Amino acid sequence: MKRKVFKYYRRSTAKFRSLPDFLIIGAQKGGTSSLAFYLSQHPSIRFSINKEVHFFDKNYFLGLNWYKSFFPFKLTNRNNSFGEATPFYLFHPHCPRRIKETLPDVKLIVLLRNPIDRAISHYNMQVRKGNEVNKSFEEAIMLETARTEKEMKKTLEDETYNNPTLQRFSYLERGKYYKQIKNWFNYFNQDQFLILKSEDFFSNPINTLNKVSTFLNIESFTPKNLTIQNQGSYHKIKKETKEKLLNFYKEDVISLSRLTGINFNWF
């Protein structure tokens, strides 16, 4: 009962609440949870009540007041920056346009991880959640096209369509960053993006946080708690599988580096 009352209160006060100044849009399994957790410790940053609101992908037709209900009040947070982190935004085909129409000046933070490592981590997460049962990593990626191709087509054709299959099982496609980033660049100026390598963040989080602070125009800081968030076990893959994936991603990584001006020296 208390939960229902709280939700009603949030919705009824939505017009007095803020929209985000920045979004962490991906990539999934690239360190977005840790980055959001660290930034939430900054005295000038306020995050949405839920880290992943999924407004611009799954919940868009619930309306802007529904989205605003997840954020703090404007008057009591005048000097703060507001953020949200939903890593599915990067991959979802309708998100760039929807976000451009709603938040044209928003700042966008992207963490990109070695796509092979990202795919393995994604697979492990689905195993832990019980969505991937009795299938090896190799079997799962062999089934990916059959599982997701029709789902992506339906998503493109019908903006109201929503099926978790696309998000759950797009292990390899989610790591083809070039097409995704290019789509976002069609809607936003490149200076609205901060694109980071996840490996740099993992090895030196403070240095990455300094870059984020500069990008968001806030004071640099060191979080008191640097615990890694959502860290799971690591599944080693067969040598021949890795070689196939290296060839699968090679051209995409080269194109991504040219597009962004960042040397993604993963391979």
C-alpha atoms as a PDB file:
ATOM      1  CA  MET A   1       0.000   0.000   0.000  1.00  0.00           C
ATOM      2  CA  LYS A   2       2.788   2.436   0.912  1.00  0.00           C
ATOM      3  CA  ARG A   3       4.505   1.681  -2.407  1.00  0.00           C
ATOM      4  CA  LYS A   4       1.346   2.514  -4.379  1.00  0.00           C
ATOM      5  CA  VAL A   5       0.925   5.780  -2.467  1.00  0.00           C
ATOM      6  CA  PHE A   6       4.556   6.692  -3.135  1.00  0.00           C
ATOM      7  CA  LYS A   7       4.159   6.016  -6.872  1.00  0.00           C
ATOM      8  CA  TYR A   8       1.014   8.162  -6.980  1.00  0.00           C
ATOM      9  CA  TYR A   9       2.832  10.955  -5.139  1.00  0.00           C
ATOM     10  CA  ARG A  10       5.679  10.862  -7.639  1.00  0.00           C
ATOM     11  CA  ARG A  11       3.325  11.008 -10.610  1.00  0.00           C
ATOM     12  CA  SER A  12       1.201  13.786  -9.131  1.00  0.00           C
ATOM     13  CA  THR A  13       4.265  15.984  -8.517  1.00  0.00           C
ATOM     14  CA  ALA A  14       5.971  15.262 -11.861  1.00  0.00           C
ATOM     15  CA  LYS A  15       5.550  18.800 -13.216  1.00  0.00           C
ATOM     16  CA  PHE A  16       7.774  20.081 -10.412  1.00  0.00           C
ATOM     17  CA  ARG A  17      10.541  17.597 -11.130  1.00  0.00           C
ATOM     18  CA  SER A  18      13.619  17.846 -13.328  1.00  0.00           C
ATOM     19  CA  LEU A  19      14.627  16.076 -16.496  1.00  0.00           C
ATOM     20  CA  PRO A  20      18.164  14.690 -16.775  1.00  0.00           C
ATOM     21  CA  ASP A  21      21.135  16.795 -17.845  1.00  0.00           C
ATOM     22  CA  PHE A  22      23.105  13.709 -18.808  1.00  0.00           C
ATOM     23  CA  LEU A  23      22.490  10.079 -19.718  1.00  0.00           C
ATOM     24  CA  ILE A  24      24.768   7.065 -19.493  1.00  0.00           C
ATOM     25  CA  ILE A  25      23.512   5.253 -22.579  1.00  0.00           C
ATOM     26  CA  GLY A  26      25.746   2.163 -22.717  1.00  0.00           C
ATOM     27  CA  ALA A  27      27.149  -0.181 -23.475  1.00  0.00           C
ATOM     28  CA  GLN A  28      25.646  -2.946 -21.377  1.00  0.00           C
ATOM     29  CA  LYS A  29      28.331  -4.820 -19.392  1.00  0.00           C
ATOM     30  CA  GLY A  30      30.735  -1.956 -20.026  1.00  0.00           C
ATOM     31  CA  GLY A  31      30.871  -0.611 -16.476  1.00  0.00           C
ATOM     32  CA  THR A  32      27.788   1.604 -16.525  1.00  0.00           C
ATOM     33  CA  SER A  33      26.568   0.426 -13.106  1.00  0.00           C
ATOM     34  CA  SER A  34      29.905   1.211 -11.480  1.00  0.00           C
ATOM     35  CA  LEU A  35      30.134   4.601 -13.176  1.00  0.00           C
ATOM     36  CA  ALA A  36      26.617   5.541 -12.069  1.00  0.00           C
ATOM     37  CA  PHE A  37      27.356   4.330  -8.530  1.00  0.00           C
ATOM     38  CA  TYR A  38      30.530   6.403  -8.291  1.00  0.00           C
ATOM     39  CA  LEU A  39      28.887   9.511  -9.759  1.00  0.00           C
ATOM     40  CA  SER A  40      25.944   9.175  -7.365  1.00  0.00           C
ATOM     41  CA  GLN A  41      28.430   9.904  -4.566  1.00  0.00           C
ATOM     42  CA  HIS A  42      29.223  13.349  -6.015  1.00  0.00           C
ATOM     43  CA  PRO A  43      27.619  16.120  -3.931  1.00  0.00           C
ATOM     44  CA  SER A  44      26.303  17.905  -7.043  1.00  0.00           C
ATOM     45  CA  ILE A  45      24.762  14.935  -8.849  1.00  0.00           C
ATOM     46  CA  ARG A  46      21.334  13.415  -8.376  1.00  0.00           C
ATOM     47  CA  PHE A  47      20.313  10.245 -10.186  1.00  0.00           C
ATOM     48  CA  SER A  48      16.882   8.919 -11.022  1.00  0.00           C
ATOM     49  CA  ILE A  49      15.230   6.779  -8.349  1.00  0.00           C
ATOM     50  CA  ASN A  50      15.823   3.715 -10.533  1.00  0.00           C
ATOM     51  CA  LYS A  51      19.239   3.541 -12.156  1.00  0.00           C
ATOM     52  CA  GLU A  52      17.681   2.125 -15.355  1.00  0.00           C
ATOM     53  CA  VAL A  53      14.362   3.812 -16.044  1.00  0.00           C
ATOM     54  CA  HIS A  54      14.074   2.421 -19.601  1.00  0.00           C
ATOM     55  CA  PHE A  55      11.874   5.327 -20.637  1.00  0.00           C
ATOM     56  CA  PHE A  56      13.202   5.946 -24.129  1.00  0.00           C
ATOM     57  CA  ASP A  57      13.234   2.268 -25.068  1.00  0.00           C
ATOM     58  CA  LYS A  58      10.465   0.273 -23.334  1.00  0.00           C
ATOM     59  CA  ASN A  59       8.316   2.830 -21.497  1.00  0.00           C
ATOM     60  CA  TYR A  60       8.201   5.742 -23.924  1.00  0.00           C
ATOM     61  CA  PHE A  61       4.439   5.640 -24.371  1.00  0.00           C
ATOM     62  CA  LEU A  62       3.808   6.037 -20.645  1.00  0.00           C
ATOM     63  CA  GLY A  63       4.489   9.748 -21.198  1.00  0.00           C
ATOM     64  CA  LEU A  64       6.936  12.386 -20.056  1.00  0.00           C
ATOM     65  CA  ASN A  65       5.324  12.901 -16.640  1.00  0.00           C
ATOM     66  CA  TRP A  66       5.899   9.226 -15.891  1.00  0.00           C
ATOM     67  CA  TYR A  67       9.588   9.721 -16.713  1.00  0.00           C
ATOM     68  CA  LYS A  68       9.889  12.922 -14.705  1.00  0.00           C
ATOM     69  CA  SER A  69       8.408  11.198 -11.662  1.00  0.00           C
ATOM     70  CA  PHE A  70      11.724   9.355 -11.229  1.00  0.00           C
ATOM     71  CA  PHE A  71      13.720  12.571 -10.725  1.00  0.00           C
ATOM     72  CA  PRO A  72      14.155  15.038  -7.826  1.00  0.00           C
ATOM     73  CA  PHE A  73      12.373  18.359  -7.433  1.00  0.00           C
ATOM     74  CA  LYS A  74      13.732  21.357  -9.317  1.00  0.00           C
ATOM     75  CA  LEU A  75      13.494  23.958  -6.562  1.00  0.00           C
ATOM     76  CA  THR A  76      15.332  21.994  -3.901  1.00  0.00           C
ATOM     77  CA  ASN A  77      18.074  20.867  -6.309  1.00  0.00           C
ATOM     78  CA  ARG A  78      18.781  24.010  -8.323  1.00  0.00           C
ATOM     79  CA  ASN A  79      22.572  23.627  -8.252  1.00  0.00           C
ATOM     80  CA  ASN A  80      22.662  19.936  -9.044  1.00  0.00           C
ATOM     81  CA  SER A  81      23.048  17.933 -12.239  1.00  0.00           C
ATOM     82  CA  PHE A  82      20.584  15.139 -12.903  1.00  0.00           C
ATOM     83  CA  GLY A  83      21.413  11.839 -14.528  1.00  0.00           C
ATOM     84  CA  GLU A  84      20.037   8.497 -15.591  1.00  0.00           C
ATOM     85  CA  ALA A  85      21.748   5.323 -16.804  1.00  0.00           C
ATOM     86  CA  THR A  86      20.034   2.841 -19.108  1.00  0.00           C
ATOM     87  CA  PRO A  87      22.606   0.961 -21.237  1.00  0.00           C
ATOM     88  CA  PHE A  88      19.965  -0.465 -23.603  1.00  0.00           C
ATOM     89  CA  TYR A  89      19.505   3.060 -24.997  1.00  0.00           C
ATOM     90  CA  LEU A  90      22.686   2.750 -27.073  1.00  0.00           C
ATOM     91  CA  PHE A  91      21.406  -0.283 -28.972  1.00  0.00           C
ATOM     92  CA  HIS A  92      17.688   0.466 -29.236  1.00  0.00           C
ATOM     93  CA  PRO A  93      17.020   1.894 -32.722  1.00  0.00           C
ATOM     94  CA  HIS A  94      14.398   4.482 -31.706  1.00  0.00           C
ATOM     95  CA  CYS A  95      16.226   5.988 -28.736  1.00  0.00           C
ATOM     96  CA  PRO A  96      18.402   8.601 -30.494  1.00  0.00           C
ATOM     97  CA  ARG A  97      15.414  10.302 -32.136  1.00  0.00           C
ATOM     98  CA  ARG A  98      13.229  10.120 -29.040  1.00  0.00           C
ATOM     99  CA  ILE A  99      15.950  11.542 -26.823  1.00  0.00           C
ATOM    100  CA  LYS A 100      16.751  14.279 -29.342  1.00  0.00           C
ATOM    101  CA  GLU A 101      13.100  15.349 -29.371  1.00  0.00           C
ATOM    102  CA  THR A 102      12.855  15.354 -25.562  1.00  0.00           C
ATOM    103  CA  LEU A 103      16.378  16.352 -24.442  1.00  0.00           C
ATOM    104  CA  PRO A 104      18.092  18.095 -27.357  1.00  0.00           C
ATOM    105  CA  ASP A 105      20.960  19.466 -25.257  1.00  0.00           C
ATOM    106  CA  VAL A 106      21.578  16.402 -23.105  1.00  0.00           C
ATOM    107  CA  LYS A 107      25.121  15.147 -22.518  1.00  0.00           C
ATOM    108  CA  LEU A 108      25.706  11.513 -23.426  1.00  0.00           C
ATOM    109  CA  ILE A 109      28.239   9.215 -21.803  1.00  0.00           C
ATOM    110  CA  VAL A 110      29.235   5.974 -23.533  1.00  0.00           C
ATOM    111  CA  LEU A 111      31.476   3.225 -22.168  1.00  0.00           C
ATOM    112  CA  LEU A 112      32.643   0.803 -24.857  1.00  0.00           C
ATOM    113  CA  ARG A 113      34.191  -2.510 -23.865  1.00  0.00           C
ATOM    114  CA  ASN A 114      36.099  -5.041 -25.940  1.00  0.00           C
ATOM    115  CA  PRO A 115      33.106  -6.564 -27.761  1.00  0.00           C
ATOM    116  CA  ILE A 116      34.224 -10.158 -27.193  1.00  0.00           C
ATOM    117  CA  ASP A 117      34.565  -9.620 -23.447  1.00  0.00           C
ATOM    118  CA  ARG A 118      31.254  -7.761 -23.469  1.00  0.00           C
ATOM    119  CA  ALA A 119      29.474 -10.640 -25.201  1.00  0.00           C
ATOM    120  CA  ILE A 120      30.856 -13.188 -22.735  1.00  0.00           C
ATOM    121  CA  SER A 121      29.827 -11.026 -19.781  1.00  0.00           C
ATOM    122  CA  HIS A 122      26.376 -10.556 -21.313  1.00  0.00           C
ATOM    123  CA  TYR A 123      26.011 -14.325 -21.718  1.00  0.00           C
ATOM    124  CA  ASN A 124      27.080 -14.954 -18.106  1.00  0.00           C
ATOM    125  CA  MET A 125      24.504 -12.438 -16.880  1.00  0.00           C
ATOM    126  CA  GLN A 126      21.710 -14.213 -18.747  1.00  0.00           C
ATOM    127  CA  VAL A 127      22.850 -17.550 -17.304  1.00  0.00           C
ATOM    128  CA  ARG A 128      22.760 -16.115 -13.768  1.00  0.00           C
ATOM    129  CA  LYS A 129      19.276 -14.700 -14.387  1.00  0.00           C
ATOM    130  CA  GLY A 130      18.010 -18.044 -15.615  1.00  0.00           C
ATOM    131  CA  ASN A 131      17.241 -16.772 -19.124  1.00  0.00           C
ATOM    132  CA  GLU A 132      19.959 -18.867 -20.776  1.00  0.00           C
ATOM    133  CA  VAL A 133      19.520 -22.532 -19.842  1.00  0.00           C
ATOM    134  CA  ASN A 134      21.633 -25.538 -20.914  1.00  0.00           C
ATOM    135  CA  LYS A 135      23.377 -23.700 -23.728  1.00  0.00           C
ATOM    136  CA  SER A 136      27.087 -23.016 -23.961  1.00  0.00           C
ATOM    137  CA  PHE A 137      28.334 -19.613 -25.068  1.00  0.00           C
ATOM    138  CA  GLU A 138      29.093 -21.066 -28.484  1.00  0.00           C
ATOM    139  CA  GLU A 139      25.571 -22.465 -28.801  1.00  0.00           C
ATOM    140  CA  ALA A 140      24.026 -19.189 -27.650  1.00  0.00           C
ATOM    141  CA  ILE A 141      25.813 -17.054 -30.234  1.00  0.00           C
ATOM    142  CA  MET A 142      24.946 -19.567 -32.952  1.00  0.00           C
ATOM    143  CA  LEU A 143      21.267 -19.090 -32.069  1.00  0.00           C
ATOM    144  CA  GLU A 144      21.431 -15.305 -31.844  1.00  0.00           C
ATOM    145  CA  THR A 145      20.247 -14.467 -35.357  1.00  0.00           C
ATOM    146  CA  ALA A 146      17.312 -16.858 -35.143  1.00  0.00           C
ATOM    147  CA  ARG A 147      16.335 -15.411 -31.777  1.00  0.00           C
ATOM    148  CA  THR A 148      16.709 -11.702 -32.451  1.00  0.00           C
ATOM    149  CA  GLU A 149      16.506 -10.877 -36.168  1.00  0.00           C
ATOM    150  CA  LYS A 150      12.685 -10.936 -36.319  1.00  0.00           C
ATOM    151  CA  GLU A 151      12.507  -9.082 -33.008  1.00  0.00           C
ATOM    152  CA  MET A 152      14.634  -6.238 -34.352  1.00  0.00           C
ATOM    153  CA  LYS A 153      12.500  -6.070 -37.499  1.00  0.00           C
ATOM    154  CA  LYS A 154       9.303  -5.869 -35.442  1.00  0.00           C
ATOM    155  CA  THR A 155      10.879  -3.181 -33.230  1.00  0.00           C
ATOM    156  CA  LEU A 156      11.781  -1.101 -36.278  1.00  0.00           C
ATOM    157  CA  GLU A 157       8.327  -1.491 -37.832  1.00  0.00           C
ATOM    158  CA  ASP A 158       6.263  -0.934 -34.686  1.00  0.00           C
ATOM    159  CA  GLU A 159       7.468   1.586 -32.117  1.00  0.00           C
ATOM    160  CA  THR A 160       5.112   0.180 -29.488  1.00  0.00           C
ATOM    161  CA  TYR A 161       6.514  -3.337 -29.827  1.00  0.00           C
ATOM    162  CA  ASN A 162       8.476  -4.563 -26.836  1.00  0.00           C
ATOM    163  CA  ASN A 163       9.846  -8.048 -26.315  1.00  0.00           C
ATOM    164  CA  PRO A 164      12.701  -8.878 -23.896  1.00  0.00           C
ATOM    165  CA  THR A 165      14.220 -11.367 -26.351  1.00  0.00           C
ATOM    166  CA  LEU A 166      16.072  -8.626 -28.244  1.00  0.00           C
ATOM    167  CA  GLN A 167      17.673  -7.246 -25.116  1.00  0.00           C
ATOM    168  CA  ARG A 168      18.470 -10.626 -23.573  1.00  0.00           C
ATOM    169  CA  PHE A 169      20.084 -12.475 -26.451  1.00  0.00           C
ATOM    170  CA  SER A 170      21.775  -9.851 -28.672  1.00  0.00           C
ATOM    171  CA  TYR A 171      25.220 -10.983 -27.526  1.00  0.00           C
ATOM    172  CA  LEU A 172      27.214 -10.215 -30.665  1.00  0.00           C
ATOM    173  CA  GLU A 173      25.152  -7.429 -32.237  1.00  0.00           C
ATOM    174  CA  ARG A 174      25.382  -5.278 -29.121  1.00  0.00           C
ATOM    175  CA  GLY A 175      29.161  -5.246 -29.611  1.00  0.00           C
ATOM    176  CA  LYS A 176      28.996  -3.905 -33.173  1.00  0.00           C
ATOM    177  CA  TYR A 177      29.409  -0.355 -31.973  1.00  0.00           C
ATOM    178  CA  TYR A 178      30.082   1.423 -35.258  1.00  0.00           C
ATOM    179  CA  LYS A 179      26.503   1.292 -36.542  1.00  0.00           C
ATOM    180  CA  GLN A 180      25.125   2.231 -33.139  1.00  0.00           C
ATOM    181  CA  ILE A 181      27.387   5.257 -32.633  1.00  0.00           C
ATOM    182  CA  LYS A 182      26.869   6.395 -36.226  1.00  0.00           C
ATOM    183  CA  ASN A 183      23.107   6.346 -35.664  1.00  0.00           C
ATOM    184  CA  TRP A 184      23.513   8.539 -32.581  1.00  0.00           C
ATOM    185  CA  PHE A 185      25.807  10.936 -34.455  1.00  0.00           C
ATOM    186  CA  ASN A 186      22.979  11.445 -36.963  1.00  0.00           C
ATOM    187  CA  TYR A 187      20.952  13.128 -34.203  1.00  0.00           C
ATOM    188  CA  PHE A 188      23.457  14.749 -31.836  1.00  0.00           C
ATOM    189  CA  ASN A 189      26.600  16.835 -32.190  1.00  0.00           C
ATOM    190  CA  GLN A 190      29.735  14.896 -31.382  1.00  0.00           C
ATOM    191  CA  ASP A 191      30.659  17.357 -28.642  1.00  0.00           C
ATOM    192  CA  GLN A 192      27.607  16.129 -26.711  1.00  0.00           C
ATOM    193  CA  PHE A 193      29.289  12.736 -26.299  1.00  0.00           C
ATOM    194  CA  LEU A 194      31.960  11.480 -23.962  1.00  0.00           C
ATOM    195  CA  ILE A 195      33.044   8.129 -25.367  1.00  0.00           C
ATOM    196  CA  LEU A 196      35.302   6.107 -23.085  1.00  0.00           C
ATOM    197  CA  LYS A 197      37.014   2.743 -23.192  1.00  0.00           C
ATOM    198  CA  SER A 198      35.735   0.493 -20.441  1.00  0.00           C
ATOM    199  CA  GLU A 199      39.191  -1.008 -19.990  1.00  0.00           C
ATOM    200  CA  ASP A 200      40.575   2.438 -19.090  1.00  0.00           C
ATOM    201  CA  PHE A 201      37.775   2.872 -16.581  1.00  0.00           C
ATOM    202  CA  PHE A 202      38.363  -0.548 -15.036  1.00  0.00           C
ATOM    203  CA  SER A 203      42.119   0.015 -14.674  1.00  0.00           C
ATOM    204  CA  ASN A 204      41.983   3.643 -13.507  1.00  0.00           C
ATOM    205  CA  PRO A 205      38.498   4.719 -12.389  1.00  0.00           C
ATOM    206  CA  ILE A 206      39.697   8.007 -10.873  1.00  0.00           C
ATOM    207  CA  ASN A 207      41.227   9.159 -14.142  1.00  0.00           C
ATOM    208  CA  THR A 208      37.992   8.330 -15.958  1.00  0.00           C
ATOM    209  CA  LEU A 209      35.938  10.120 -13.309  1.00  0.00           C
ATOM    210  CA  ASN A 210      38.084  13.217 -13.809  1.00  0.00           C
ATOM    211  CA  LYS A 211      37.236  13.144 -17.525  1.00  0.00           C
ATOM    212  CA  VAL A 212      33.552  12.728 -16.714  1.00  0.00           C
ATOM    213  CA  SER A 213      33.684  15.606 -14.226  1.00  0.00           C
ATOM    214  CA  THR A 214      35.220  17.892 -16.839  1.00  0.00           C
ATOM    215  CA  PHE A 215      32.606  16.810 -19.383  1.00  0.00           C
ATOM    216  CA  LEU A 216      29.745  17.480 -16.959  1.00  0.00           C
ATOM    217  CA  ASN A 217      31.331  20.719 -15.720  1.00  0.00           C
ATOM    218  CA  ILE A 218      31.398  19.605 -12.096  1.00  0.00           C
ATOM    219  CA  GLU A 219      34.231  19.550  -9.560  1.00  0.00           C
ATOM    220  CA  SER A 220      36.536  16.548  -9.653  1.00  0.00           C
ATOM    221  CA  PHE A 221      36.105  14.167  -6.760  1.00  0.00           C
ATOM    222  CA  THR A 222      37.113  10.783  -5.388  1.00  0.00           C
ATOM    223  CA  PRO A 223      34.232   8.545  -4.288  1.00  0.00           C
ATOM    224  CA  LYS A 224      34.472   7.112  -0.800  1.00  0.00           C
ATOM    225  CA  ASN A 225      33.202   3.774  -2.081  1.00  0.00           C
ATOM    226  CA  LEU A 226      34.850   2.363  -5.201  1.00  0.00           C
ATOM    227  CA  THR A 227      33.308  -1.088  -4.990  1.00  0.00           C
ATOM    228  CA  ILE A 228      32.791  -2.581  -8.456  1.00  0.00           C
ATOM    229  CA  GLN A 229      29.104  -3.046  -9.207  1.00  0.00           C
ATOM    230  CA  ASN A 230      27.456  -6.064 -10.886  1.00  0.00           C
ATOM    231  CA  GLN A 231      30.701  -7.966 -11.269  1.00  0.00           C
ATOM    232  CA  GLY A 232      30.128 -11.598 -12.209  1.00  0.00           C
ATOM    233  CA  SER A 233      32.117 -14.705 -13.002  1.00  0.00           C
ATOM    234  CA  TYR A 234      34.028 -14.868 -16.285  1.00  0.00           C
ATOM    235  CA  HIS A 235      33.407 -17.582 -18.861  1.00  0.00           C
ATOM    236  CA  LYS A 236      36.477 -18.580 -20.864  1.00  0.00           C
ATOM    237  CA  ILE A 237      35.819 -19.370 -24.490  1.00  0.00           C
ATOM    238  CA  LYS A 238      37.434 -21.800 -26.867  1.00  0.00           C
ATOM    239  CA  LYS A 239      40.451 -20.607 -28.835  1.00  0.00           C
ATOM    240  CA  GLU A 240      38.703 -21.197 -32.162  1.00  0.00           C
ATOM    241  CA  THR A 241      35.655 -19.237 -30.960  1.00  0.00           C
ATOM    242  CA  LYS A 242      37.815 -16.261 -30.040  1.00  0.00           C
ATOM    243  CA  GLU A 243      39.540 -16.354 -33.432  1.00  0.00           C
ATOM    244  CA  LYS A 244      36.169 -16.334 -35.189  1.00  0.00           C
ATOM    245  CA  LEU A 245      34.986 -13.389 -33.105  1.00  0.00           C
ATOM    246  CA  LEU A 246      38.194 -11.471 -33.748  1.00  0.00           C
ATOM    247  CA  ASN A 247      37.461 -11.737 -37.460  1.00  0.00           C
ATOM    248  CA  PHE A 248      33.780 -10.953 -36.883  1.00  0.00           C
ATOM    249  CA  TYR A 249      34.548  -7.651 -35.128  1.00  0.00           C
ATOM    250  CA  LYS A 250      37.757  -6.557 -36.848  1.00  0.00           C
ATOM    251  CA  GLU A 251      36.263  -4.282 -39.526  1.00  0.00           C
ATOM    252  CA  ASP A 252      33.694  -2.837 -37.136  1.00  0.00           C
ATOM    253  CA  VAL A 253      36.415  -1.801 -34.678  1.00  0.00           C
ATOM    254  CA  ILE A 254      38.443  -0.166 -37.455  1.00  0.00           C
ATOM    255  CA  SER A 255      35.361   1.769 -38.637  1.00  0.00           C
ATOM    256  CA  LEU A 256      34.530   2.777 -35.065  1.00  0.00           C
ATOM    257  CA  SER A 257      38.029   4.162 -34.511  1.00  0.00           C
ATOM    258  CA  ARG A 258      37.804   6.208 -37.701  1.00  0.00           C
ATOM    259  CA  LEU A 259      34.351   7.517 -36.821  1.00  0.00           C
ATOM    260  CA  THR A 260      35.203   8.594 -33.274  1.00  0.00           C
ATOM    261  CA  GLY A 261      38.898   9.454 -33.612  1.00  0.00           C
ATOM    262  CA  ILE A 262      39.591   7.091 -30.695  1.00  0.00           C
ATOM    263  CA  ASN A 263      42.024   4.208 -31.045  1.00  0.00           C
ATOM    264  CA  PHE A 264      40.108   1.153 -29.884  1.00  0.00           C
ATOM    265  CA  ASN A 265      43.110  -1.147 -29.780  1.00  0.00           C
ATOM    266  CA  TRP A 266      41.239  -4.185 -28.479  1.00  0.00           C
ATOM    267  CA  PHE A 267      42.715  -6.611 -31.006  1.00  0.00           C
END
